[in-house]
């Protein structure tokens, strides 16, 4: 499956989502795994756009690539926005408190990382690489 390159803006999130759903279909993922993968990629892609590009007042692209093997599907998101390693995000300590007592933020990343079988963050030069791995067997 050919990779796509989209502008690092909110309008591109639907294109990324469609790409992930198509890749999941080609990998024969069930609907539950497809949903969790799409949700995870959408959360990180949204953070790339908002925090990596918009808040940093820079522009850039997001490259989305699917990689298939006999045992898994990998979705790669690469960007040149501000560095952010989601693996360093702590589990929200107020996860089990009533909604009105919780702090805002952090839950989306927690759900994204825990919604796939493996999540990897790497930094290569000025590029962020987010890799989402879902087992297909």
N, C-alpha and C. Protein backbone atom coordinates (compact mmCIF):
# COMPACT_ATOMS: atom_id res chain seq x y z
N UNK A 1 0.86 -1.17 0.00
CA UNK A 1 0.00 0.00 0.00
C UNK A 1 0.90 1.23 0.00
N UNK A 2 0.64 2.13 -0.89
CA UNK A 2 1.45 3.33 -1.04
C UNK A 2 1.22 4.28 0.14
N UNK A 3 2.29 4.92 0.58
CA UNK A 3 2.16 5.88 1.67
C UNK A 3 1.48 7.16 1.17
N UNK A 4 1.00 7.95 2.12
CA UNK A 4 0.39 9.24 1.78
C UNK A 4 1.13 10.34 2.53
N UNK A 5 1.13 11.51 1.95
CA UNK A 5 1.70 12.70 2.58
C UNK A 5 0.59 13.74 2.61
N UNK A 6 0.29 14.22 3.82
CA UNK A 6 -0.76 15.22 3.99
C UNK A 6 -0.21 16.41 4.75
N UNK A 7 -0.85 17.55 4.59
CA UNK A 7 -0.47 18.74 5.34
C UNK A 7 -0.76 18.53 6.82
N UNK A 8 0.09 19.08 7.66
CA UNK A 8 -0.09 18.96 9.11
C UNK A 8 -1.15 19.90 9.62
N UNK A 9 -2.41 19.69 9.18
CA UNK A 9 -3.52 20.51 9.66
C UNK A 9 -4.72 19.63 9.96
N UNK A 10 -5.68 20.18 10.64
CA UNK A 10 -6.84 19.40 11.10
C UNK A 10 -7.64 18.81 9.95
N UNK A 11 -7.65 19.47 8.80
CA UNK A 11 -8.41 18.96 7.65
C UNK A 11 -7.85 17.62 7.15
N UNK A 12 -6.60 17.33 7.45
CA UNK A 12 -5.96 16.10 6.98
C UNK A 12 -6.29 14.88 7.83
N UNK A 13 -6.88 15.08 9.00
CA UNK A 13 -7.15 13.96 9.90
C UNK A 13 -8.10 12.94 9.29
N UNK A 14 -9.09 13.39 8.54
CA UNK A 14 -10.03 12.46 7.90
C UNK A 14 -9.32 11.62 6.84
N UNK A 15 -8.37 12.20 6.14
CA UNK A 15 -7.62 11.46 5.12
C UNK A 15 -6.78 10.37 5.78
N UNK A 16 -6.13 10.72 6.90
CA UNK A 16 -5.34 9.73 7.64
C UNK A 16 -6.24 8.62 8.16
N UNK A 17 -7.39 8.98 8.70
CA UNK A 17 -8.33 7.99 9.22
C UNK A 17 -8.79 7.03 8.12
N UNK A 18 -9.13 7.57 6.96
CA UNK A 18 -9.54 6.72 5.83
C UNK A 18 -8.42 5.77 5.42
N UNK A 19 -7.19 6.26 5.42
CA UNK A 19 -6.03 5.45 5.06
C UNK A 19 -5.89 4.28 6.04
N UNK A 20 -6.01 4.57 7.33
CA UNK A 20 -5.87 3.54 8.36
C UNK A 20 -6.98 2.49 8.22
N UNK A 21 -8.19 2.93 7.98
CA UNK A 21 -9.30 1.99 7.81
C UNK A 21 -9.08 1.10 6.59
N UNK A 22 -8.59 1.68 5.51
CA UNK A 22 -8.30 0.89 4.30
C UNK A 22 -7.20 -0.13 4.58
N UNK A 23 -6.14 0.29 5.26
CA UNK A 23 -5.04 -0.63 5.61
C UNK A 23 -5.54 -1.75 6.51
N UNK A 24 -6.38 -1.41 7.48
CA UNK A 24 -6.93 -2.43 8.38
C UNK A 24 -7.76 -3.44 7.61
N UNK A 25 -8.51 -2.97 6.62
CA UNK A 25 -9.28 -3.88 5.79
C UNK A 25 -8.39 -4.82 5.00
N UNK A 26 -7.30 -4.30 4.45
CA UNK A 26 -6.36 -5.14 3.69
C UNK A 26 -5.67 -6.15 4.59
N UNK A 27 -5.52 -5.82 5.86
CA UNK A 27 -4.90 -6.73 6.83
C UNK A 27 -5.92 -7.67 7.46
N UNK A 28 -7.18 -7.54 7.08
CA UNK A 28 -8.27 -8.36 7.61
C UNK A 28 -8.44 -8.23 9.12
N UNK A 29 -8.26 -7.01 9.63
CA UNK A 29 -8.51 -6.79 11.06
C UNK A 29 -10.01 -6.81 11.31
N UNK A 30 -10.39 -7.29 12.48
CA UNK A 30 -11.80 -7.25 12.83
C UNK A 30 -12.19 -5.81 13.19
N UNK A 31 -13.47 -5.57 13.36
CA UNK A 31 -13.95 -4.21 13.58
C UNK A 31 -13.44 -3.61 14.88
N UNK A 32 -13.28 -4.42 15.93
CA UNK A 32 -12.80 -3.91 17.21
C UNK A 32 -11.35 -3.44 17.10
N UNK A 33 -10.49 -4.25 16.48
CA UNK A 33 -9.09 -3.87 16.32
C UNK A 33 -8.96 -2.67 15.37
N UNK A 34 -9.78 -2.65 14.35
CA UNK A 34 -9.77 -1.52 13.42
C UNK A 34 -10.14 -0.23 14.13
N UNK A 35 -11.17 -0.28 14.95
CA UNK A 35 -11.61 0.90 15.70
C UNK A 35 -10.50 1.39 16.62
N UNK A 36 -9.89 0.49 17.38
CA UNK A 36 -8.84 0.88 18.34
C UNK A 36 -7.62 1.45 17.61
N UNK A 37 -7.25 0.86 16.48
CA UNK A 37 -6.13 1.36 15.71
C UNK A 37 -6.43 2.75 15.15
N UNK A 38 -7.61 2.92 14.59
CA UNK A 38 -7.97 4.23 14.05
C UNK A 38 -8.00 5.27 15.14
N UNK A 39 -8.54 4.93 16.29
CA UNK A 39 -8.58 5.85 17.42
C UNK A 39 -7.18 6.23 17.89
N UNK A 40 -6.28 5.25 17.97
CA UNK A 40 -4.91 5.51 18.41
C UNK A 40 -4.19 6.43 17.43
N UNK A 41 -4.28 6.12 16.15
CA UNK A 41 -3.61 6.94 15.14
C UNK A 41 -4.21 8.34 15.13
N UNK A 42 -5.52 8.45 15.24
CA UNK A 42 -6.17 9.75 15.23
C UNK A 42 -5.72 10.60 16.42
N UNK A 43 -5.58 10.00 17.58
CA UNK A 43 -5.15 10.75 18.77
C UNK A 43 -3.75 11.31 18.58
N UNK A 44 -2.83 10.49 18.11
CA UNK A 44 -1.46 10.96 17.94
C UNK A 44 -1.38 11.95 16.78
N UNK A 45 -2.10 11.70 15.69
CA UNK A 45 -2.10 12.64 14.55
C UNK A 45 -2.66 14.00 14.97
N UNK A 46 -3.70 13.99 15.78
CA UNK A 46 -4.27 15.24 16.28
C UNK A 46 -3.24 15.99 17.13
N UNK A 47 -2.53 15.27 17.98
CA UNK A 47 -1.49 15.90 18.79
C UNK A 47 -0.36 16.46 17.94
N UNK A 48 -0.01 15.75 16.86
CA UNK A 48 1.02 16.25 15.94
C UNK A 48 0.57 17.59 15.37
N UNK A 49 -0.67 17.64 14.88
CA UNK A 49 -1.18 18.87 14.27
C UNK A 49 -1.24 20.01 15.28
N UNK A 50 -1.88 19.76 16.42
CA UNK A 50 -2.12 20.83 17.38
C UNK A 50 -0.84 21.25 18.12
N UNK A 51 -0.15 20.27 18.70
CA UNK A 51 1.00 20.60 19.53
C UNK A 51 2.30 20.68 18.72
N UNK A 52 2.46 19.78 17.78
CA UNK A 52 3.70 19.74 17.01
C UNK A 52 3.83 20.83 15.98
N UNK A 53 2.70 21.24 15.40
CA UNK A 53 2.74 22.26 14.35
C UNK A 53 2.07 23.57 14.77
N UNK A 54 0.79 23.54 15.08
CA UNK A 54 0.05 24.78 15.34
C UNK A 54 0.61 25.56 16.52
N UNK A 55 0.74 24.93 17.68
CA UNK A 55 1.21 25.63 18.87
C UNK A 55 2.66 26.09 18.72
N UNK A 56 3.44 25.35 17.93
CA UNK A 56 4.84 25.71 17.70
C UNK A 56 4.97 26.75 16.59
N UNK A 57 3.83 27.07 15.97
CA UNK A 57 3.77 28.04 14.88
C UNK A 57 4.71 27.68 13.73
N UNK A 58 4.69 26.38 13.39
CA UNK A 58 5.44 25.91 12.23
C UNK A 58 4.51 25.11 11.34
N UNK A 59 4.92 24.92 10.12
CA UNK A 59 4.13 24.14 9.17
C UNK A 59 4.93 22.92 8.75
N UNK A 60 4.22 21.89 8.39
CA UNK A 60 4.89 20.68 7.94
C UNK A 60 3.87 19.66 7.51
N UNK A 61 4.38 18.54 7.09
CA UNK A 61 3.54 17.45 6.60
C UNK A 61 3.55 16.29 7.58
N UNK A 62 2.62 15.39 7.35
CA UNK A 62 2.57 14.10 8.05
C UNK A 62 2.62 13.03 6.98
N UNK A 63 3.55 12.11 7.13
CA UNK A 63 3.63 10.96 6.23
C UNK A 63 3.00 9.78 6.95
N UNK A 64 2.09 9.12 6.28
CA UNK A 64 1.41 7.95 6.85
C UNK A 64 1.70 6.77 5.94
N UNK A 65 2.20 5.69 6.55
CA UNK A 65 2.59 4.53 5.77
C UNK A 65 2.13 3.26 6.48
N UNK A 66 1.62 2.32 5.70
CA UNK A 66 1.21 1.02 6.23
C UNK A 66 2.23 -0.03 5.81
N UNK A 67 2.53 -0.91 6.74
CA UNK A 67 3.47 -2.00 6.47
C UNK A 67 2.80 -3.30 6.92
N UNK A 68 2.74 -4.25 6.01
CA UNK A 68 2.05 -5.50 6.28
C UNK A 68 3.06 -6.64 6.42
N UNK A 69 2.78 -7.56 7.34
CA UNK A 69 3.56 -8.79 7.44
C UNK A 69 2.58 -9.94 7.67
N UNK A 70 3.10 -11.13 7.81
CA UNK A 70 2.23 -12.29 8.06
C UNK A 70 1.54 -12.23 9.42
N UNK A 71 2.14 -11.48 10.36
CA UNK A 71 1.62 -11.49 11.73
C UNK A 71 1.08 -10.15 12.22
N UNK A 72 1.38 -9.04 11.51
CA UNK A 72 0.91 -7.76 12.02
C UNK A 72 0.77 -6.71 10.94
N UNK A 73 0.12 -5.63 11.35
CA UNK A 73 0.00 -4.42 10.55
C UNK A 73 0.68 -3.31 11.33
N UNK A 74 1.57 -2.58 10.65
CA UNK A 74 2.22 -1.43 11.27
C UNK A 74 1.78 -0.18 10.53
N UNK A 75 1.37 0.80 11.29
CA UNK A 75 1.08 2.12 10.73
C UNK A 75 2.15 3.07 11.26
N UNK A 76 2.81 3.75 10.34
CA UNK A 76 3.85 4.72 10.68
C UNK A 76 3.32 6.13 10.43
N UNK A 77 3.50 7.01 11.40
CA UNK A 77 3.25 8.44 11.23
C UNK A 77 4.57 9.15 11.43
N UNK A 78 4.97 9.95 10.45
CA UNK A 78 6.21 10.70 10.58
C UNK A 78 5.92 12.18 10.37
N UNK A 79 6.57 13.02 11.18
CA UNK A 79 6.36 14.46 11.07
C UNK A 79 7.63 15.18 11.48
N UNK A 80 7.70 16.46 11.13
CA UNK A 80 8.85 17.29 11.49
C UNK A 80 8.46 18.37 12.50
N UNK A 81 7.38 18.12 13.23
CA UNK A 81 6.93 19.06 14.25
C UNK A 81 7.80 18.98 15.49
N UNK A 82 7.37 19.68 16.53
CA UNK A 82 8.09 19.66 17.80
C UNK A 82 8.17 18.23 18.32
N UNK A 83 9.27 17.91 18.97
CA UNK A 83 9.47 16.56 19.50
C UNK A 83 8.50 16.30 20.64
N UNK A 84 7.85 15.14 20.59
CA UNK A 84 7.00 14.72 21.70
C UNK A 84 6.96 13.20 21.74
N UNK A 85 7.43 12.63 22.82
CA UNK A 85 7.45 11.19 23.00
C UNK A 85 6.29 10.78 23.88
N UNK A 86 5.24 10.27 23.25
CA UNK A 86 4.03 9.89 24.00
C UNK A 86 4.29 8.74 24.97
N UNK A 87 5.37 7.98 24.75
CA UNK A 87 5.66 6.87 25.67
C UNK A 87 6.10 7.38 27.04
N UNK A 88 6.47 8.66 27.11
CA UNK A 88 6.87 9.25 28.39
C UNK A 88 5.67 9.76 29.20
N UNK A 89 4.50 9.71 28.59
CA UNK A 89 3.27 10.14 29.26
C UNK A 89 2.92 9.13 30.35
N UNK A 90 2.70 9.60 31.52
CA UNK A 90 2.31 8.73 32.63
C UNK A 90 0.82 8.41 32.54
N UNK A 91 0.46 7.24 33.04
CA UNK A 91 -0.96 6.92 33.15
C UNK A 91 -1.60 7.97 34.03
N UNK A 92 -2.73 8.53 33.61
CA UNK A 92 -3.39 9.51 34.47
C UNK A 92 -3.63 8.93 35.86
N UNK A 93 -3.18 9.65 36.89
CA UNK A 93 -3.32 9.14 38.26
C UNK A 93 -4.74 9.28 38.79
N UNK A 94 -5.55 10.02 38.05
CA UNK A 94 -6.93 10.19 38.50
C UNK A 94 -7.91 9.42 37.61
N UNK A 95 -7.40 8.38 36.95
CA UNK A 95 -8.17 7.61 36.00
C UNK A 95 -9.47 7.05 36.59
N UNK A 96 -9.45 6.69 37.85
CA UNK A 96 -10.61 6.05 38.47
C UNK A 96 -11.42 7.00 39.35
N UNK A 97 -11.09 8.27 39.29
CA UNK A 97 -11.87 9.26 40.04
C UNK A 97 -13.11 9.66 39.25
N UNK A 98 -14.10 10.21 39.91
CA UNK A 98 -15.27 10.72 39.18
C UNK A 98 -14.84 11.79 38.17
N UNK A 99 -15.57 11.93 37.08
CA UNK A 99 -15.22 12.86 36.01
C UNK A 99 -14.95 14.28 36.52
N UNK A 100 -15.77 14.75 37.43
CA UNK A 100 -15.62 16.13 37.90
C UNK A 100 -14.35 16.34 38.73
N UNK A 101 -13.69 15.26 39.13
CA UNK A 101 -12.46 15.37 39.91
C UNK A 101 -11.20 15.13 39.07
N UNK A 102 -11.35 14.80 37.80
CA UNK A 102 -10.20 14.50 36.94
C UNK A 102 -9.62 15.76 36.33
N UNK A 103 -8.32 15.69 36.06
CA UNK A 103 -7.64 16.76 35.34
C UNK A 103 -7.88 16.56 33.84
N UNK A 104 -7.84 17.64 33.10
CA UNK A 104 -8.02 17.58 31.66
C UNK A 104 -6.69 17.19 31.02
N UNK A 105 -6.75 16.28 30.08
CA UNK A 105 -5.56 15.92 29.30
C UNK A 105 -4.94 14.61 29.72
N UNK A 106 -4.26 13.98 28.74
CA UNK A 106 -3.52 12.76 29.00
C UNK A 106 -4.27 11.48 28.74
N UNK A 107 -5.58 11.50 28.84
CA UNK A 107 -6.35 10.27 28.68
C UNK A 107 -6.30 9.75 27.25
N UNK A 108 -6.35 10.63 26.27
CA UNK A 108 -6.32 10.21 24.88
C UNK A 108 -5.05 9.47 24.52
N UNK A 109 -3.92 9.98 24.98
CA UNK A 109 -2.64 9.32 24.71
C UNK A 109 -2.59 7.98 25.42
N UNK A 110 -3.05 7.94 26.64
CA UNK A 110 -3.10 6.68 27.39
C UNK A 110 -3.93 5.64 26.65
N UNK A 111 -5.10 6.03 26.16
CA UNK A 111 -5.96 5.11 25.42
C UNK A 111 -5.33 4.70 24.10
N UNK A 112 -4.65 5.64 23.44
CA UNK A 112 -4.02 5.34 22.15
C UNK A 112 -2.93 4.28 22.32
N UNK A 113 -2.07 4.49 23.28
CA UNK A 113 -0.96 3.56 23.48
C UNK A 113 -1.46 2.20 23.92
N UNK A 114 -2.49 2.17 24.73
CA UNK A 114 -3.02 0.90 25.22
C UNK A 114 -4.03 0.26 24.28
N UNK A 115 -4.39 0.94 23.20
CA UNK A 115 -5.36 0.41 22.25
C UNK A 115 -4.75 -0.41 21.14
N UNK A 116 -3.42 -0.43 21.07
CA UNK A 116 -2.73 -1.23 20.05
C UNK A 116 -1.84 -2.24 20.75
N UNK A 117 -1.38 -3.24 20.01
CA UNK A 117 -0.54 -4.28 20.63
C UNK A 117 0.84 -3.74 21.00
N UNK A 118 1.34 -2.79 20.21
CA UNK A 118 2.62 -2.18 20.53
C UNK A 118 2.67 -0.78 19.92
N UNK A 119 3.25 0.15 20.67
CA UNK A 119 3.42 1.51 20.20
C UNK A 119 4.89 1.87 20.39
N UNK A 120 5.50 2.45 19.36
CA UNK A 120 6.91 2.83 19.41
C UNK A 120 7.04 4.28 18.97
N UNK A 121 7.83 5.05 19.73
CA UNK A 121 8.18 6.41 19.32
C UNK A 121 9.69 6.45 19.10
N UNK A 122 10.10 7.07 18.00
CA UNK A 122 11.52 7.26 17.72
C UNK A 122 11.73 8.67 17.19
N UNK A 123 12.91 9.19 17.43
CA UNK A 123 13.27 10.50 16.89
C UNK A 123 14.53 10.30 16.04
N UNK A 124 14.46 10.69 14.78
CA UNK A 124 15.58 10.58 13.85
C UNK A 124 15.86 11.97 13.30
N UNK A 125 16.92 12.60 13.78
CA UNK A 125 17.22 13.97 13.35
C UNK A 125 16.10 14.88 13.78
N UNK A 126 15.44 15.52 12.81
CA UNK A 126 14.31 16.41 13.15
C UNK A 126 12.97 15.76 12.86
N UNK A 127 12.96 14.44 12.71
CA UNK A 127 11.71 13.72 12.42
C UNK A 127 11.23 12.91 13.61
N UNK A 128 9.93 13.03 13.89
CA UNK A 128 9.26 12.17 14.86
C UNK A 128 8.69 10.98 14.11
N UNK A 129 8.83 9.81 14.68
CA UNK A 129 8.26 8.60 14.08
C UNK A 129 7.42 7.89 15.13
N UNK A 130 6.13 7.75 14.84
CA UNK A 130 5.20 7.04 15.71
C UNK A 130 4.78 5.77 14.98
N UNK A 131 4.95 4.63 15.62
CA UNK A 131 4.65 3.35 14.98
C UNK A 131 3.61 2.62 15.82
N UNK A 132 2.53 2.23 15.18
CA UNK A 132 1.42 1.51 15.82
C UNK A 132 1.41 0.10 15.25
N UNK A 133 1.48 -0.90 16.11
CA UNK A 133 1.52 -2.29 15.65
C UNK A 133 0.31 -3.04 16.20
N UNK A 134 -0.40 -3.70 15.28
CA UNK A 134 -1.55 -4.51 15.66
C UNK A 134 -1.32 -5.91 15.11
N UNK A 135 -1.45 -6.90 15.98
CA UNK A 135 -1.31 -8.28 15.56
C UNK A 135 -2.51 -8.69 14.72
N UNK A 136 -2.23 -9.38 13.64
CA UNK A 136 -3.30 -9.81 12.75
C UNK A 136 -3.69 -11.27 12.96
N UNK A 137 -2.96 -11.97 13.79
CA UNK A 137 -3.26 -13.39 14.04
C UNK A 137 -3.51 -13.62 15.49
